[in-house]
Amino acid sequence: MREDNLIKNKSEDFAVRIINLYKYLVKEKTEYVLSKQMLRSGTSIGANINEALCGISKKDFLSKMYIAFKECHETKYWIKLLFRTEYISEKEKDSILTDCDELLRILSSITKSTADNLIPNS
């Protein structure tokens, strides 16, 4: 049974999509360089979220969530390059970028609200 944690579940689902896209690119398109970069950053998102959820402080939590946010941006970059170099179709790109953008919005909200709560009102 999955935990009831939206960002954790969405990042895990996204990682599964990234892994499956990687397997497809390696097997069907014989593309190894861009897809490996995408695999690393795309699975790192959830890994950092999991670390954040076990953080020892709010600052530690924020730091790991911000790393996840940056990894998500990097993943978006690799997906766009895979599309522009014709390894994936526009439909494939749009589908996975929709999930990526959703993660970015959630992570942006988490990092902003956490940072706001850490900084006392001036």
C-alpha atoms as a PDB file:
ATOM      1  CA  MET A   1       0.000   0.000   0.000  1.00  0.00           C
ATOM      2  CA  ARG A   2       1.315   3.433  -0.940  1.00  0.00           C
ATOM      3  CA  GLU A   3       1.747   6.191   1.588  1.00  0.00           C
ATOM      4  CA  ASP A   4      -0.687   9.080   1.449  1.00  0.00           C
ATOM      5  CA  ASN A   5       1.910  11.677   0.447  1.00  0.00           C
ATOM      6  CA  LEU A   6       1.141  13.483  -2.806  1.00  0.00           C
ATOM      7  CA  ILE A   7       4.642  14.651  -3.742  1.00  0.00           C
ATOM      8  CA  LYS A   8       6.252  11.350  -2.762  1.00  0.00           C
ATOM      9  CA  ASN A   9       3.742   9.346  -4.814  1.00  0.00           C
ATOM     10  CA  LYS A  10       3.886  11.668  -7.835  1.00  0.00           C
ATOM     11  CA  SER A  11       7.689  11.676  -7.862  1.00  0.00           C
ATOM     12  CA  GLU A  12       7.754   7.870  -7.670  1.00  0.00           C
ATOM     13  CA  ASP A  13       5.245   7.584 -10.531  1.00  0.00           C
ATOM     14  CA  PHE A  14       7.340  10.050 -12.527  1.00  0.00           C
ATOM     15  CA  ALA A  15      10.503   8.034 -11.846  1.00  0.00           C
ATOM     16  CA  VAL A  16       8.777   4.909 -13.175  1.00  0.00           C
ATOM     17  CA  ARG A  17       7.871   6.807 -16.365  1.00  0.00           C
ATOM     18  CA  ILE A  18      11.455   8.033 -16.688  1.00  0.00           C
ATOM     19  CA  ILE A  19      12.836   4.509 -16.220  1.00  0.00           C
ATOM     20  CA  ASN A  20      10.451   3.120 -18.826  1.00  0.00           C
ATOM     21  CA  LEU A  21      11.344   5.919 -21.272  1.00  0.00           C
ATOM     22  CA  TYR A  22      15.029   5.201 -20.658  1.00  0.00           C
ATOM     23  CA  LYS A  23      14.535   1.486 -21.376  1.00  0.00           C
ATOM     24  CA  TYR A  24      12.680   2.344 -24.587  1.00  0.00           C
ATOM     25  CA  LEU A  25      15.366   4.800 -25.733  1.00  0.00           C
ATOM     26  CA  VAL A  26      18.181   2.334 -25.109  1.00  0.00           C
ATOM     27  CA  LYS A  27      16.432  -0.660 -26.667  1.00  0.00           C
ATOM     28  CA  GLU A  28      14.525   0.900 -29.576  1.00  0.00           C
ATOM     29  CA  LYS A  29      16.513   4.043 -30.393  1.00  0.00           C
ATOM     30  CA  THR A  30      19.987   2.920 -29.233  1.00  0.00           C
ATOM     31  CA  GLU A  31      20.413   6.272 -27.481  1.00  0.00           C
ATOM     32  CA  TYR A  32      22.638   6.054 -24.416  1.00  0.00           C
ATOM     33  CA  VAL A  33      23.998   9.492 -23.499  1.00  0.00           C
ATOM     34  CA  LEU A  34      21.027  11.881 -23.199  1.00  0.00           C
ATOM     35  CA  SER A  35      18.781   9.145 -21.860  1.00  0.00           C
ATOM     36  CA  LYS A  36      21.266   8.283 -19.088  1.00  0.00           C
ATOM     37  CA  GLN A  37      21.379  11.936 -18.025  1.00  0.00           C
ATOM     38  CA  MET A  38      17.558  12.026 -18.009  1.00  0.00           C
ATOM     39  CA  LEU A  39      17.470   8.785 -15.994  1.00  0.00           C
ATOM     40  CA  ARG A  40      19.825  10.166 -13.358  1.00  0.00           C
ATOM     41  CA  SER A  41      18.075  13.495 -12.865  1.00  0.00           C
ATOM     42  CA  GLY A  42      14.551  12.080 -13.265  1.00  0.00           C
ATOM     43  CA  THR A  43      14.998   9.439 -10.567  1.00  0.00           C
ATOM     44  CA  SER A  44      16.946  11.822  -8.333  1.00  0.00           C
ATOM     45  CA  ILE A  45      13.811  13.927  -7.841  1.00  0.00           C
ATOM     46  CA  GLY A  46      12.061  11.258  -5.782  1.00  0.00           C
ATOM     47  CA  ALA A  47      15.257  10.242  -3.998  1.00  0.00           C
ATOM     48  CA  ASN A  48      15.732  13.807  -2.752  1.00  0.00           C
ATOM     49  CA  ILE A  49      12.078  14.088  -1.765  1.00  0.00           C
ATOM     50  CA  ASN A  50      12.415  10.905   0.288  1.00  0.00           C
ATOM     51  CA  GLU A  51      15.535  12.299   1.947  1.00  0.00           C
ATOM     52  CA  ALA A  52      13.712  15.562   2.664  1.00  0.00           C
ATOM     53  CA  LEU A  53      10.878  13.720   4.373  1.00  0.00           C
ATOM     54  CA  CYS A  54      13.455  12.232   6.744  1.00  0.00           C
ATOM     55  CA  GLY A  55      15.231  15.557   7.248  1.00  0.00           C
ATOM     56  CA  ILE A  56      16.578  16.408  10.666  1.00  0.00           C
ATOM     57  CA  SER A  57      15.451  20.029  10.474  1.00  0.00           C
ATOM     58  CA  LYS A  58      13.302  22.382   8.418  1.00  0.00           C
ATOM     59  CA  LYS A  59      16.471  23.715   6.774  1.00  0.00           C
ATOM     60  CA  ASP A  60      17.519  20.179   5.834  1.00  0.00           C
ATOM     61  CA  PHE A  61      14.008  19.528   4.475  1.00  0.00           C
ATOM     62  CA  LEU A  62      14.117  22.738   2.424  1.00  0.00           C
ATOM     63  CA  SER A  63      17.579  21.996   1.068  1.00  0.00           C
ATOM     64  CA  LYS A  64      16.586  18.521  -0.178  1.00  0.00           C
ATOM     65  CA  MET A  65      13.300  19.765  -1.641  1.00  0.00           C
ATOM     66  CA  TYR A  66      15.155  22.515  -3.459  1.00  0.00           C
ATOM     67  CA  ILE A  67      17.600  19.942  -4.878  1.00  0.00           C
ATOM     68  CA  ALA A  68      14.579  17.920  -6.078  1.00  0.00           C
ATOM     69  CA  PHE A  69      13.224  21.100  -7.709  1.00  0.00           C
ATOM     70  CA  LYS A  70      16.534  21.678  -9.534  1.00  0.00           C
ATOM     71  CA  GLU A  71      16.716  18.027 -10.635  1.00  0.00           C
ATOM     72  CA  CYS A  72      13.212  18.377 -12.041  1.00  0.00           C
ATOM     73  CA  HIS A  73      14.313  21.385 -14.108  1.00  0.00           C
ATOM     74  CA  GLU A  74      17.314  19.413 -15.347  1.00  0.00           C
ATOM     75  CA  THR A  75      15.093  16.487 -16.333  1.00  0.00           C
ATOM     76  CA  LYS A  76      12.901  18.864 -18.316  1.00  0.00           C
ATOM     77  CA  TYR A  77      15.993  20.036 -20.203  1.00  0.00           C
ATOM     78  CA  TRP A  78      17.007  16.470 -21.181  1.00  0.00           C
ATOM     79  CA  ILE A  79      13.467  15.646 -22.314  1.00  0.00           C
ATOM     80  CA  LYS A  80      13.405  18.739 -24.529  1.00  0.00           C
ATOM     81  CA  LEU A  81      16.756  17.762 -26.044  1.00  0.00           C
ATOM     82  CA  LEU A  82      15.523  14.238 -26.712  1.00  0.00           C
ATOM     83  CA  PHE A  83      12.578  15.740 -28.574  1.00  0.00           C
ATOM     84  CA  ARG A  84      14.659  18.259 -30.529  1.00  0.00           C
ATOM     85  CA  THR A  85      17.038  15.497 -31.628  1.00  0.00           C
ATOM     86  CA  GLU A  86      14.062  13.370 -32.726  1.00  0.00           C
ATOM     87  CA  TYR A  87      14.486  10.541 -30.228  1.00  0.00           C
ATOM     88  CA  ILE A  88      10.970  11.083 -28.863  1.00  0.00           C
ATOM     89  CA  SER A  89       7.821  12.358 -30.523  1.00  0.00           C
ATOM     90  CA  GLU A  90       6.039  15.579 -29.657  1.00  0.00           C
ATOM     91  CA  LYS A  91       3.235  13.541 -28.093  1.00  0.00           C
ATOM     92  CA  GLU A  92       5.714  11.640 -25.882  1.00  0.00           C
ATOM     93  CA  LYS A  93       7.468  14.893 -24.920  1.00  0.00           C
ATOM     94  CA  ASP A  94       4.210  16.676 -24.083  1.00  0.00           C
ATOM     95  CA  SER A  95       2.935  13.764 -22.015  1.00  0.00           C
ATOM     96  CA  ILE A  96       5.984  13.447 -19.789  1.00  0.00           C
ATOM     97  CA  LEU A  97       6.535  17.216 -19.562  1.00  0.00           C
ATOM     98  CA  THR A  98       2.991  17.579 -18.235  1.00  0.00           C
ATOM     99  CA  ASP A  99       3.976  15.365 -15.300  1.00  0.00           C
ATOM    100  CA  CYS A 100       7.311  17.152 -14.937  1.00  0.00           C
ATOM    101  CA  ASP A 101       5.638  20.573 -14.860  1.00  0.00           C
ATOM    102  CA  GLU A 102       3.174  19.360 -12.235  1.00  0.00           C
ATOM    103  CA  LEU A 103       6.064  18.223 -10.040  1.00  0.00           C
ATOM    104  CA  LEU A 104       7.768  21.591 -10.568  1.00  0.00           C
ATOM    105  CA  ARG A 105       4.638  23.463  -9.454  1.00  0.00           C
ATOM    106  CA  ILE A 106       4.266  21.338  -6.324  1.00  0.00           C
ATOM    107  CA  LEU A 107       7.970  21.565  -5.450  1.00  0.00           C
ATOM    108  CA  SER A 108       7.939  25.316  -6.044  1.00  0.00           C
ATOM    109  CA  SER A 109       5.010  25.685  -3.671  1.00  0.00           C
ATOM    110  CA  ILE A 110       6.661  23.475  -1.028  1.00  0.00           C
ATOM    111  CA  THR A 111       9.994  25.285  -1.192  1.00  0.00           C
ATOM    112  CA  LYS A 112       8.387  28.735  -1.149  1.00  0.00           C
ATOM    113  CA  SER A 113       6.092  28.027   1.789  1.00  0.00           C
ATOM    114  CA  THR A 114       8.868  26.282   3.749  1.00  0.00           C
ATOM    115  CA  ALA A 115      11.281  29.156   3.127  1.00  0.00           C
ATOM    116  CA  ASP A 116       8.599  31.688   4.119  1.00  0.00           C
ATOM    117  CA  ASN A 117       8.044  29.812   7.394  1.00  0.00           C
ATOM    118  CA  LEU A 118      11.783  29.746   8.151  1.00  0.00           C
ATOM    119  CA  ILE A 119      12.282  33.476   7.682  1.00  0.00           C
ATOM    120  CA  PRO A 120      10.770  35.612  10.436  1.00  0.00           C
ATOM    121  CA  ASN A 121       8.596  38.529   9.335  1.00  0.00           C
ATOM    122  CA  SER A 122      10.652  41.648   8.841  1.00  0.00           C
END
